[in-house]
Amino acid sequence: MLLRVGFVLLAFIVLHFYTATKSVRAASPPTAVQNNSTHAIQSASDRSKYVGDEACISCHKSQAASYIHTSHHLTSQLANENSVLGSFQDGSNVLMISDPARATAQPGLLFKMEKKDGFYYQTAVTGWGPDLQTRTERIDMLTGSGVRGVTYLNWQGNKLYELPVSYWTDGRRWINSPGYENGSANFSRPVNPGCLECHATYIKALSTDPLTNSYDRESLITGISCETCHGPGADHIAKQKSASVKAADQEILNPRHFSRDRQVESCALCHNGIQREAIAPPFSYVPGHPLSDYFKPISAETVEHPDVHGNQVGLLQRSLCYRSSQTMTCSTCHDVHSPERSAAAYSDRCLTCHKWQACGMAKTMGHKITANCIDCHMPVEATNVIVSETAGNEVRATMRNHWIKVYPSVHRP
């Protein structure tokens, strides 16, 4: 797959990528939160008070029951029969780049996906006619919730690599993985921490080099967990067990108590594009702290129509809806604990502020216009960041534009 704009990893889930988690007390005033950022960054490697999702479920059953079905929770998983997508059956398990049997000047190349003894594998076959070379690697992990697709990863010792073939949900097909040019049989593309921190809750890197792909494999916590947004739960649980409910609430982060900027920045961590430079270690972001303590924006030419990839917050902040409101955040529309609704269903959020009769199409369409504000004012657009060129075909990801406005060129029903 040909990646544009220097993007580093899969955005199938929306989201592409830089940083992750840890915490401060929800009860702390904003000034204290900001002043404690340096200490929080320095202590980010201390995971002793992180207890895992299982410890949260007993008191938060309803949130847990719905959250496990969200794209955030599913954005990375260990490979198994429930998580691996794509056909591994003969007849539909081959990605043919160029047929080795017909190769002339350049060697042919195909990839074959197989399941053996309960494990999943990718095999590259390259060469001419009967003179073939193969390489097989196991699928150990995947990133992406499956909404757009998944990319498969492989452990070689303690080093993590991206495998050359991904699954694309649209069309139910195999494609070249992010970072791979068409015709490449490369199994050595490293997966660095900056890629992982928006697809996983935590993994301990074995080097301070931001480009490392060496990790403590046992430290991996897949998916985005409760403590990614709420911080470590040990003290909260201890206070809860001691029947001190008020004190327990002070020992956990609750983003709804953050200022609007801090609330939005919790999402901007992974949903604000790639034009920025990390200035703090991966997995050190603390919800409630200024994101500027962790990333420095990279000056970029202001464009009239920014790319939609992974830039939901940046686009939303351009919207008149956002600029005219003191309280609008991502949570105004999205319930992070629940799976996403259909796009049109979010029209009910628009109509809490806007009268449908004021829409320019109201006279033509009448009341039925209330059924779908979204497709007109937040259209789905192709991104130039994630483009797969596979065997002469181009696959381009599409994402919903979060710059809410009138789009004269959008086709109206």
Protein backbone atom coordinates (compact mmCIF):
# COMPACT_ATOMS: atom_id res chain seq x y z
CA MET A 1 0.00 0.00 0.00
CA LEU A 2 1.33 3.41 -0.88
CA LEU A 3 1.11 5.77 2.07
CA ARG A 4 1.00 9.48 1.49
CA VAL A 5 1.89 12.37 3.85
CA GLY A 6 4.29 10.26 5.87
CA PHE A 7 1.56 8.40 7.68
CA VAL A 8 2.83 5.53 9.79
CA LEU A 9 0.14 2.93 10.30
CA LEU A 10 -3.27 1.76 9.49
CA ALA A 11 -6.18 4.05 9.82
CA PHE A 12 -8.85 1.47 9.27
CA ILE A 13 -10.41 2.35 12.42
CA VAL A 14 -10.22 5.62 12.13
CA LEU A 15 -7.77 6.62 13.54
CA HIS A 16 -4.35 6.91 13.03
CA PHE A 17 -1.88 8.24 15.50
CA TYR A 18 0.22 9.39 18.35
CA THR A 19 -0.01 8.70 22.23
CA ALA A 20 -2.10 6.97 24.91
CA THR A 21 -2.74 7.06 28.67
CA LYS A 22 -2.40 7.58 32.36
CA SER A 23 -3.87 9.81 34.99
CA VAL A 24 -4.45 12.56 37.50
CA ARG A 25 -7.20 12.84 40.04
CA ALA A 26 -10.52 14.03 38.67
CA ALA A 27 -10.96 16.28 41.69
CA SER A 28 -7.81 18.28 40.91
CA PRO A 29 -8.48 21.84 39.68
CA PRO A 30 -7.32 22.62 36.13
CA THR A 31 -4.27 24.57 37.31
CA ALA A 32 -3.07 21.66 39.40
CA VAL A 33 -3.60 19.31 36.50
CA GLN A 34 -1.50 21.48 34.23
CA ASN A 35 1.27 22.02 36.77
CA ASN A 36 1.54 18.29 37.39
CA SER A 37 2.04 17.36 33.73
CA THR A 38 5.81 16.93 33.99
CA HIS A 39 5.44 14.63 37.00
CA ALA A 40 2.73 12.66 35.21
CA ILE A 41 4.92 12.14 32.15
CA GLN A 42 7.85 11.03 34.30
CA SER A 43 5.71 8.48 36.14
CA ALA A 44 3.90 7.18 33.08
CA SER A 45 5.89 3.96 33.06
CA ASP A 46 4.48 3.00 36.49
CA ARG A 47 1.63 0.62 35.72
CA SER A 48 1.27 -0.76 39.24
CA LYS A 49 -2.12 0.87 39.85
CA TYR A 50 -3.68 -0.22 36.57
CA VAL A 51 -6.08 -3.07 37.27
CA GLY A 52 -7.64 -3.96 33.91
CA ASP A 53 -11.20 -3.93 32.60
CA GLU A 54 -12.25 -6.99 34.57
CA ALA A 55 -11.92 -5.05 37.80
CA CYS A 56 -14.34 -2.40 36.51
CA ILE A 57 -17.12 -4.69 35.33
CA SER A 58 -18.68 -5.61 38.68
CA CYS A 59 -19.78 -2.01 39.32
CA HIS A 60 -20.14 -0.82 35.74
CA LYS A 61 -21.95 -3.70 34.06
CA SER A 62 -24.06 -1.72 31.60
CA GLN A 63 -21.16 0.36 30.29
CA ALA A 64 -18.94 -2.71 30.02
CA ALA A 65 -21.59 -4.77 28.22
CA SER A 66 -21.89 -2.22 25.43
CA TYR A 67 -18.28 -1.01 25.34
CA ILE A 68 -16.87 -4.42 24.41
CA HIS A 69 -18.63 -4.07 21.04
CA THR A 70 -17.15 -0.66 20.19
CA SER A 71 -14.45 0.02 17.61
CA HIS A 72 -12.25 1.47 20.33
CA HIS A 73 -12.30 -1.76 22.31
CA LEU A 74 -11.74 -3.86 19.19
CA THR A 75 -9.02 -1.74 17.62
CA SER A 76 -6.39 -4.37 18.42
CA GLN A 77 -6.80 -8.02 19.32
CA LEU A 78 -4.82 -11.21 19.53
CA ALA A 79 -5.36 -13.41 16.50
CA ASN A 80 -8.03 -16.07 16.96
CA GLU A 81 -11.09 -17.42 15.19
CA ASN A 82 -13.23 -14.56 16.52
CA SER A 83 -10.91 -11.71 15.55
CA VAL A 84 -9.25 -12.74 12.28
CA LEU A 85 -11.13 -11.54 9.20
CA GLY A 86 -10.89 -12.69 5.60
CA SER A 87 -11.24 -16.05 3.94
CA PHE A 88 -8.60 -18.70 4.61
CA GLN A 89 -10.41 -21.23 2.40
CA ASP A 90 -8.97 -22.47 -0.88
CA GLY A 91 -10.29 -20.43 -3.76
CA SER A 92 -10.56 -17.16 -1.86
CA ASN A 93 -7.39 -17.05 0.23
CA VAL A 94 -4.92 -15.82 -2.40
CA LEU A 95 -3.86 -12.27 -3.21
CA MET A 96 -2.41 -12.46 -6.71
CA ILE A 97 -0.03 -9.62 -7.48
CA SER A 98 1.47 -11.17 -10.62
CA ASP A 99 1.18 -14.84 -11.54
CA PRO A 100 4.55 -16.61 -11.12
CA ALA A 101 3.49 -19.10 -13.79
CA ARG A 102 3.34 -16.27 -16.34
CA ALA A 103 6.27 -14.20 -15.06
CA THR A 104 8.89 -13.13 -17.60
CA ALA A 105 11.30 -10.26 -16.86
CA GLN A 106 10.16 -9.73 -13.27
CA PRO A 107 9.41 -12.51 -10.79
CA GLY A 108 5.78 -13.24 -10.05
CA LEU A 109 4.32 -12.74 -6.60
CA LEU A 110 1.30 -14.01 -4.73
CA PHE A 111 0.29 -14.26 -1.11
CA LYS A 112 -1.62 -17.13 0.41
CA MET A 113 -3.53 -16.99 3.68
CA GLU A 114 -3.88 -20.30 5.53
CA LYS A 115 -5.08 -21.74 8.82
CA LYS A 116 -3.08 -24.61 10.30
CA ASP A 117 -3.49 -26.28 13.69
CA GLY A 118 -5.55 -23.37 15.02
CA PHE A 119 -3.08 -20.68 13.90
CA TYR A 120 -3.25 -18.28 10.95
CA TYR A 121 -0.44 -17.65 8.49
CA GLN A 122 0.57 -15.51 5.51
CA THR A 123 2.86 -17.00 2.88
CA ALA A 124 4.60 -15.07 0.10
CA VAL A 125 5.34 -17.05 -3.07
CA THR A 126 7.67 -15.41 -5.58
CA GLY A 127 9.67 -16.48 -8.61
CA TRP A 128 9.26 -17.85 -12.13
CA GLY A 129 7.30 -20.95 -13.08
CA PRO A 130 8.41 -23.90 -10.94
CA ASP A 131 11.42 -21.97 -9.60
CA LEU A 132 9.75 -20.50 -6.53
CA GLN A 133 10.75 -19.18 -3.13
CA THR A 134 8.37 -18.94 -0.18
CA ARG A 135 8.28 -17.32 3.22
CA THR A 136 5.61 -18.00 5.83
CA GLU A 137 4.92 -16.03 8.99
CA ARG A 138 2.24 -16.46 11.61
CA ILE A 139 -0.48 -13.88 12.29
CA ASP A 140 -0.13 -13.07 15.99
CA MET A 141 -2.09 -9.87 16.38
CA LEU A 142 -4.27 -7.51 14.41
CA THR A 143 -5.02 -3.80 14.41
CA GLY A 144 -8.26 -2.30 13.20
CA SER A 145 -11.79 -2.94 14.38
CA GLY A 146 -12.91 -4.42 11.07
CA VAL A 147 -15.20 -1.52 10.18
CA ARG A 148 -12.86 -0.67 7.33
CA GLY A 149 -10.53 -3.61 7.66
CA VAL A 150 -7.68 -5.09 9.66
CA THR A 151 -3.92 -5.25 9.38
CA TYR A 152 -2.06 -8.27 10.70
CA LEU A 153 1.11 -8.22 12.82
CA ASN A 154 3.76 -10.81 13.55
CA TRP A 155 6.16 -11.35 16.43
CA GLN A 156 9.73 -12.35 15.66
CA GLY A 157 11.20 -12.80 19.12
CA ASN A 158 10.44 -9.56 20.93
CA LYS A 159 10.20 -7.53 17.72
CA LEU A 160 6.83 -6.68 16.18
CA TYR A 161 6.35 -6.43 12.42
CA GLU A 162 3.53 -5.60 10.06
CA LEU A 163 2.61 -8.38 7.66
CA PRO A 164 2.39 -7.55 3.95
CA VAL A 165 -1.31 -8.37 3.42
CA SER A 166 -4.33 -6.74 5.06
CA TYR A 167 -8.04 -7.43 4.83
CA TRP A 168 -10.33 -4.74 3.43
CA THR A 169 -13.95 -5.01 4.52
CA ASP A 170 -15.37 -3.11 1.55
CA GLY A 171 -15.45 -5.80 -1.12
CA ARG A 172 -14.29 -8.46 1.36
CA ARG A 173 -10.85 -8.62 -0.22
CA TRP A 174 -7.17 -8.96 0.51
CA ILE A 175 -4.99 -5.90 -0.22
CA ASN A 176 -1.40 -4.76 0.25
CA SER A 177 -0.82 -3.57 3.81
CA PRO A 178 -0.02 0.02 4.77
CA GLY A 179 3.56 0.90 3.90
CA TYR A 180 3.97 -1.75 1.20
CA GLU A 181 4.43 -0.89 -2.45
CA ASN A 182 2.82 -3.20 -4.93
CA GLY A 183 5.09 -6.16 -5.69
CA SER A 184 6.84 -6.19 -2.30
CA ALA A 185 7.22 -9.41 -0.29
CA ASN A 186 8.65 -7.65 2.73
CA PHE A 187 8.04 -9.10 6.19
CA SER A 188 10.31 -6.65 8.01
CA ARG A 189 8.31 -3.43 8.34
CA PRO A 190 8.65 -2.51 12.05
CA VAL A 191 5.68 -1.45 14.17
CA ASN A 192 6.78 1.40 16.42
CA PRO A 193 5.17 2.67 19.64
CA GLY A 194 3.68 5.72 17.94
CA CYS A 195 1.65 3.36 15.78
CA LEU A 196 0.49 1.22 18.66
CA GLU A 197 -0.58 3.75 21.24
CA CYS A 198 -3.87 4.51 19.51
CA HIS A 199 -4.56 0.83 18.87
CA ALA A 200 -3.66 -0.56 22.29
CA THR A 201 -3.96 0.39 25.94
CA TYR A 202 -0.30 -0.30 26.65
CA ILE A 203 2.85 -2.11 25.67
CA LYS A 204 6.27 -1.62 27.23
CA ALA A 205 8.96 -0.70 24.71
CA LEU A 206 12.42 -2.10 25.42
CA SER A 207 14.13 1.01 24.07
CA THR A 208 13.64 4.76 24.32
CA ASP A 209 14.13 5.02 20.55
CA PRO A 210 10.75 6.20 19.16
CA LEU A 211 11.31 3.98 16.13
CA THR A 212 11.93 0.82 18.12
CA ASN A 213 9.83 -2.28 17.53
CA SER A 214 11.21 -4.21 20.50
CA TYR A 215 8.70 -4.81 23.30
CA ASP A 216 7.97 -6.78 26.41
CA ARG A 217 5.37 -9.02 24.81
CA GLU A 218 3.76 -9.93 28.12
CA SER A 219 2.99 -6.28 28.85
CA LEU A 220 0.62 -5.90 25.89
CA ILE A 221 -2.92 -4.80 26.72
CA THR A 222 -4.94 -4.90 23.51
CA GLY A 223 -7.71 -2.50 22.57
CA ILE A 224 -8.59 0.78 24.22
CA SER A 225 -9.56 -0.04 27.80
CA CYS A 226 -11.46 1.75 30.58
CA GLU A 227 -8.25 3.04 32.13
CA THR A 228 -7.11 4.66 28.90
CA CYS A 229 -9.63 7.44 29.52
CA HIS A 230 -10.27 7.06 33.24
CA GLY A 231 -6.75 6.51 34.49
CA PRO A 232 -5.51 3.79 36.89
CA GLY A 233 -8.30 2.26 38.94
CA ALA A 234 -6.59 0.70 41.97
CA ASP A 235 -7.13 3.61 44.38
CA HIS A 236 -10.69 4.10 43.15
CA ILE A 237 -11.54 0.46 43.81
CA ALA A 238 -9.87 0.50 47.23
CA LYS A 239 -11.90 3.52 48.31
CA GLN A 240 -15.08 1.98 46.90
CA LYS A 241 -14.51 -1.19 48.92
CA SER A 242 -14.02 0.89 52.04
CA ALA A 243 -17.52 2.34 51.47
CA SER A 244 -16.13 5.82 50.87
CA VAL A 245 -17.97 6.55 47.64
CA LYS A 246 -17.16 10.26 47.55
CA ALA A 247 -13.47 9.57 48.07
CA ALA A 248 -13.64 6.84 45.43
CA ASP A 249 -14.96 9.32 42.88
CA GLN A 250 -11.97 11.53 43.59
CA GLU A 251 -9.60 8.67 42.82
CA ILE A 252 -10.70 8.15 39.21
CA LEU A 253 -10.70 10.39 36.16
CA ASN A 254 -14.07 11.39 34.81
CA PRO A 255 -13.66 13.33 31.55
CA ARG A 256 -17.04 15.02 31.93
CA HIS A 257 -15.47 17.03 34.77
CA PHE A 258 -12.69 18.31 32.51
CA SER A 259 -12.85 21.69 30.80
CA ARG A 260 -14.12 21.57 27.23
CA ASP A 261 -10.61 21.86 25.80
CA ARG A 262 -9.34 18.98 27.93
CA GLN A 263 -12.36 16.83 27.03
CA VAL A 264 -11.80 17.34 23.33
CA GLU A 265 -8.06 16.77 23.68
CA SER A 266 -8.71 13.32 25.13
CA CYS A 267 -10.13 12.46 21.72
CA ALA A 268 -7.64 14.60 19.80
CA LEU A 269 -4.89 12.32 21.08
CA CYS A 270 -5.82 9.92 18.28
CA HIS A 271 -8.31 11.89 16.19
CA ASN A 272 -6.50 15.08 15.26
CA GLY A 273 -4.40 14.21 12.24
CA ILE A 274 -0.68 13.67 11.91
CA GLN A 275 0.74 17.18 11.59
CA ARG A 276 2.47 17.13 14.97
CA GLU A 277 5.68 16.00 16.65
CA ALA A 278 5.78 13.89 19.81
CA ILE A 279 7.71 15.53 22.65
CA ALA A 280 6.89 12.96 25.34
CA PRO A 281 7.25 9.16 25.39
CA PRO A 282 4.52 6.95 23.92
CA PHE A 283 1.80 5.87 26.33
CA SER A 284 2.50 8.83 28.63
CA TYR A 285 -0.49 11.05 27.84
CA VAL A 286 -2.61 11.75 30.90
CA PRO A 287 -6.29 12.59 30.24
CA GLY A 288 -7.05 16.01 31.65
CA HIS A 289 -3.60 17.40 30.90
CA PRO A 290 -2.90 19.77 27.99
CA LEU A 291 -2.11 17.82 24.86
CA SER A 292 0.54 20.44 24.08
CA ASP A 293 2.64 18.88 26.87
CA TYR A 294 2.93 15.76 24.72
CA PHE A 295 2.87 17.01 21.13
CA LYS A 296 4.16 20.02 19.27
CA PRO A 297 2.15 21.03 16.19
CA ILE A 298 4.03 20.98 12.91
CA SER A 299 3.48 24.09 10.83
CA ALA A 300 1.63 23.12 7.71
CA GLU A 301 0.19 25.07 4.83
CA THR A 302 -3.39 26.03 5.56
CA VAL A 303 -5.56 24.31 3.01
CA GLU A 304 -9.09 25.16 2.07
CA HIS A 305 -10.19 21.53 2.29
CA PRO A 306 -8.07 19.45 4.72
CA ASP A 307 -7.83 15.70 4.37
CA VAL A 308 -10.46 13.80 6.33
CA HIS A 309 -8.14 11.09 7.59
CA GLY A 310 -7.80 10.90 11.38
CA ASN A 311 -8.54 14.61 11.71
CA GLN A 312 -12.01 14.58 13.20
CA VAL A 313 -11.20 17.05 15.99
CA GLY A 314 -9.34 19.50 13.77
CA LEU A 315 -12.20 19.54 11.28
CA LEU A 316 -14.86 19.83 13.99
CA GLN A 317 -13.06 22.85 15.42
CA ARG A 318 -13.41 24.61 12.07
CA SER A 319 -17.17 24.18 12.21
CA LEU A 320 -19.41 27.14 13.03
CA CYS A 321 -21.39 24.76 15.26
CA TYR A 322 -18.34 24.25 17.43
CA ARG A 323 -17.12 27.84 17.36
CA SER A 324 -20.55 29.15 18.29
CA SER A 325 -20.89 26.86 21.30
CA GLN A 326 -19.25 26.95 24.70
CA THR A 327 -20.12 23.36 25.50
CA MET A 328 -20.01 21.30 22.30
CA THR A 329 -17.56 18.39 22.50
CA CYS A 330 -17.15 15.03 20.79
CA SER A 331 -19.48 13.57 23.44
CA THR A 332 -22.27 15.88 22.34
CA CYS A 333 -22.86 13.33 19.59
CA HIS A 334 -20.81 10.27 20.47
CA ASP A 335 -21.31 7.93 23.42
CA VAL A 336 -17.89 6.37 23.83
CA HIS A 337 -19.34 3.48 25.84
CA SER A 338 -21.66 2.37 23.03
CA PRO A 339 -21.18 1.21 19.44
CA GLU A 340 -21.65 3.89 16.80
CA ARG A 341 -25.14 4.42 15.48
CA SER A 342 -25.90 4.78 11.78
CA ALA A 343 -24.72 8.14 10.48
CA ALA A 344 -28.23 9.40 9.76
CA ALA A 345 -29.28 8.65 13.35
CA TYR A 346 -27.04 11.47 14.57
CA SER A 347 -29.38 13.95 12.91
CA ASP A 348 -31.26 14.10 16.20
CA ARG A 349 -28.22 15.84 17.67
CA CYS A 350 -28.32 18.50 14.96
CA LEU A 351 -31.98 19.18 15.62
CA THR A 352 -31.40 20.01 19.27
CA CYS A 353 -29.98 23.33 18.04
CA HIS A 354 -31.17 23.77 14.44
CA LYS A 355 -34.74 24.15 13.19
CA TRP A 356 -35.22 21.96 10.16
CA GLN A 357 -37.37 24.62 8.51
CA ALA A 358 -34.26 26.85 8.24
CA CYS A 359 -32.48 24.39 5.95
CA GLY A 360 -32.21 25.49 2.34
CA MET A 361 -33.68 22.18 1.20
CA ALA A 362 -36.67 22.29 3.55
CA LYS A 363 -39.08 23.73 0.98
CA THR A 364 -38.17 21.02 -1.50
CA MET A 365 -38.00 18.01 0.81
CA GLY A 366 -40.33 18.92 3.64
CA HIS A 367 -40.18 17.23 7.04
CA LYS A 368 -38.39 14.14 5.72
CA ILE A 369 -35.24 16.22 5.68
CA THR A 370 -34.99 15.60 9.43
CA ALA A 371 -34.14 11.95 8.77
CA ASN A 372 -30.65 12.73 7.48
CA CYS A 373 -28.80 15.96 8.12
CA ILE A 374 -25.48 14.13 8.18
CA ASP A 375 -24.87 13.05 4.60
CA CYS A 376 -25.34 16.60 3.35
CA HIS A 377 -23.49 18.50 6.07
CA MET A 378 -20.87 15.89 7.00
CA PRO A 379 -20.29 13.97 3.75
CA VAL A 380 -18.16 10.86 3.35
CA GLU A 381 -14.99 11.67 1.46
CA ALA A 382 -11.95 9.79 0.17
CA THR A 383 -8.66 10.33 1.95
CA ASN A 384 -5.35 10.90 0.21
CA VAL A 385 -3.46 9.51 3.20
CA ILE A 386 -4.42 5.83 2.97
CA VAL A 387 -4.18 4.57 -0.59
CA SER A 388 -3.56 0.94 -1.44
CA GLU A 389 -2.22 0.09 -4.87
CA THR A 390 -2.74 -3.63 -5.23
CA ALA A 391 -2.20 -5.50 -8.49
CA GLY A 392 -3.10 -2.49 -10.60
CA ASN A 393 -6.14 -1.52 -8.54
CA GLU A 394 -6.40 1.43 -6.19
CA VAL A 395 -8.18 1.13 -2.85
CA ARG A 396 -8.78 4.42 -1.10
CA ALA A 397 -10.25 4.73 2.39
CA THR A 398 -13.30 6.94 2.85
CA MET A 399 -14.19 8.73 6.06
CA ARG A 400 -16.83 11.13 7.25
CA ASN A 401 -15.86 14.78 7.19
CA HIS A 402 -16.34 16.37 10.63
CA TRP A 403 -16.25 19.93 9.28
CA ILE A 404 -19.96 20.63 9.65
CA LYS A 405 -21.13 23.08 6.99
CA VAL A 406 -22.98 23.47 3.71
CA TYR A 407 -21.35 21.55 0.87
CA PRO A 408 -22.77 22.90 -2.41
CA SER A 409 -21.33 20.00 -4.41
CA VAL A 410 -22.90 17.27 -2.30
CA HIS A 411 -25.63 15.29 -4.06
CA ARG A 412 -28.89 15.73 -2.23
CA PRO A 413 -31.61 13.11 -2.16
